[in-house]
Amino acid sequence: MQIAAAQPAEKKDPPPPVKKPVVKPKEEVKDPRAEELAEAQITRLSAVYEGMPADEAGKIFAKLPDPLVEKLLRRMDERQVGKLLLALDVQRAAKITESLAKTKAAN
């Protein structure tokens, strides 16, 4: 009995890559009043925090993102802003102060 030599399998070209359709994100339709409402909300919140004792408001500010804290502080009385900055971590208060100063100088 003779054993047949194994023949190499025919090489097939790999299938062409499947092109995935490009999905573009839907354009958001913005309410023209949304920005105005957001600004009004920030103004209202700043009044709430301004009326709170600085050490209590500072505890809350410590958990808020810097851009929001800056927006709130811009609408507050300067004396209250100073008290709130004292209630924050020194490094963070310095960073926020620097950002407030740059924005103020640009205006």
Protein backbone atom coordinates (compact mmCIF):
# COMPACT_ATOMS: atom_id res chain seq x y z
CA MET A 1 0.00 0.00 0.00
CA GLN A 2 1.32 3.32 -1.04
CA ILE A 3 0.80 6.47 0.97
CA ALA A 4 -0.01 9.48 -1.10
CA ALA A 5 2.06 12.53 -0.41
CA ALA A 6 0.12 15.36 1.15
CA GLN A 7 -0.52 18.07 -1.35
CA PRO A 8 -0.35 21.64 -0.20
CA ALA A 9 -3.76 23.22 0.14
CA GLU A 10 -4.56 25.89 -2.37
CA LYS A 11 -3.93 29.35 -1.03
CA LYS A 12 -7.01 31.50 -1.13
CA ASP A 13 -6.91 35.24 -1.01
CA PRO A 14 -8.40 36.61 2.19
CA PRO A 15 -11.80 38.21 1.76
CA PRO A 16 -11.71 41.95 1.22
CA PRO A 17 -12.19 43.99 4.38
CA VAL A 18 -15.75 44.94 5.13
CA LYS A 19 -16.27 48.68 4.95
CA LYS A 20 -18.24 49.94 7.88
CA PRO A 21 -20.55 52.83 7.18
CA VAL A 22 -19.50 56.10 8.72
CA VAL A 23 -22.05 57.08 11.31
CA LYS A 24 -22.17 60.80 11.90
CA PRO A 25 -23.48 62.02 15.24
CA LYS A 26 -26.86 63.61 15.13
CA GLU A 27 -26.77 67.34 15.30
CA GLU A 28 -28.11 68.57 18.57
CA VAL A 29 -30.98 70.94 18.34
CA LYS A 30 -30.39 73.53 21.02
CA ASP A 31 -33.16 75.38 22.70
CA PRO A 32 -32.40 79.06 22.11
CA ARG A 33 -33.32 79.72 25.73
CA ALA A 34 -31.12 76.94 27.15
CA GLU A 35 -28.07 79.15 27.63
CA GLU A 36 -30.16 81.90 29.18
CA LEU A 37 -31.78 79.40 31.54
CA ALA A 38 -28.38 77.94 32.51
CA GLU A 39 -27.05 81.41 33.30
CA ALA A 40 -30.14 82.15 35.40
CA GLN A 41 -29.61 78.90 37.30
CA ILE A 42 -25.96 79.79 38.01
CA THR A 43 -27.03 83.23 39.24
CA ARG A 44 -29.65 81.67 41.51
CA LEU A 45 -27.20 79.11 42.90
CA SER A 46 -24.59 81.78 43.54
CA ALA A 47 -27.14 83.70 45.62
CA VAL A 48 -27.88 80.53 47.62
CA TYR A 49 -24.18 79.89 48.32
CA GLU A 50 -23.55 83.55 49.08
CA GLY A 51 -26.14 83.36 51.86
CA MET A 52 -24.56 80.28 53.43
CA PRO A 53 -21.77 80.35 56.00
CA ALA A 54 -18.48 80.24 54.08
CA ASP A 55 -17.19 77.09 55.78
CA GLU A 56 -20.37 75.19 54.84
CA ALA A 57 -20.41 76.47 51.26
CA GLY A 58 -16.68 75.69 51.04
CA LYS A 59 -17.37 72.02 51.82
CA ILE A 60 -19.75 71.90 48.87
CA PHE A 61 -17.43 73.87 46.59
CA ALA A 62 -14.67 71.38 47.39
CA LYS A 63 -16.68 68.73 45.54
CA LEU A 64 -17.65 70.89 42.53
CA PRO A 65 -15.58 71.18 39.33
CA ASP A 66 -13.41 74.29 39.02
CA PRO A 67 -15.24 75.80 36.01
CA LEU A 68 -18.54 75.73 37.91
CA VAL A 69 -16.95 77.17 41.05
CA GLU A 70 -15.50 79.99 38.95
CA LYS A 71 -18.90 80.78 37.42
CA LEU A 72 -20.49 80.87 40.85
CA LEU A 73 -17.75 83.02 42.40
CA ARG A 74 -17.94 85.59 39.59
CA ARG A 75 -21.50 86.40 40.63
CA MET A 76 -20.80 86.70 44.34
CA ASP A 77 -19.79 89.54 46.64
CA GLU A 78 -16.01 89.87 46.84
CA ARG A 79 -15.94 89.48 50.63
CA GLN A 80 -17.85 86.21 50.44
CA VAL A 81 -15.57 85.04 47.62
CA GLY A 82 -12.56 85.65 49.86
CA LYS A 83 -14.12 83.67 52.69
CA LEU A 84 -15.00 80.81 50.37
CA LEU A 85 -11.50 80.67 48.92
CA LEU A 86 -10.13 80.42 52.47
CA ALA A 87 -12.41 77.42 53.05
CA LEU A 88 -10.90 75.57 50.05
CA ASP A 89 -7.62 73.69 49.80
CA VAL A 90 -4.79 76.20 49.34
CA GLN A 91 -3.61 74.76 46.01
CA ARG A 92 -7.11 74.71 44.57
CA ALA A 93 -7.91 78.21 45.82
CA ALA A 94 -4.73 79.48 44.15
CA LYS A 95 -5.62 77.76 40.88
CA ILE A 96 -9.16 79.18 40.90
CA THR A 97 -7.86 82.64 41.80
CA GLU A 98 -5.40 82.51 38.90
CA SER A 99 -8.16 81.49 36.52
CA LEU A 100 -10.46 84.24 37.79
CA ALA A 101 -7.68 86.81 37.35
CA LYS A 102 -6.96 85.71 33.77
CA THR A 103 -10.62 85.85 32.82
CA LYS A 104 -11.06 89.24 34.48
CA ALA A 105 -8.01 90.63 32.65
CA ALA A 106 -9.28 89.32 29.30
CA ASN A 107 -12.61 91.13 29.70
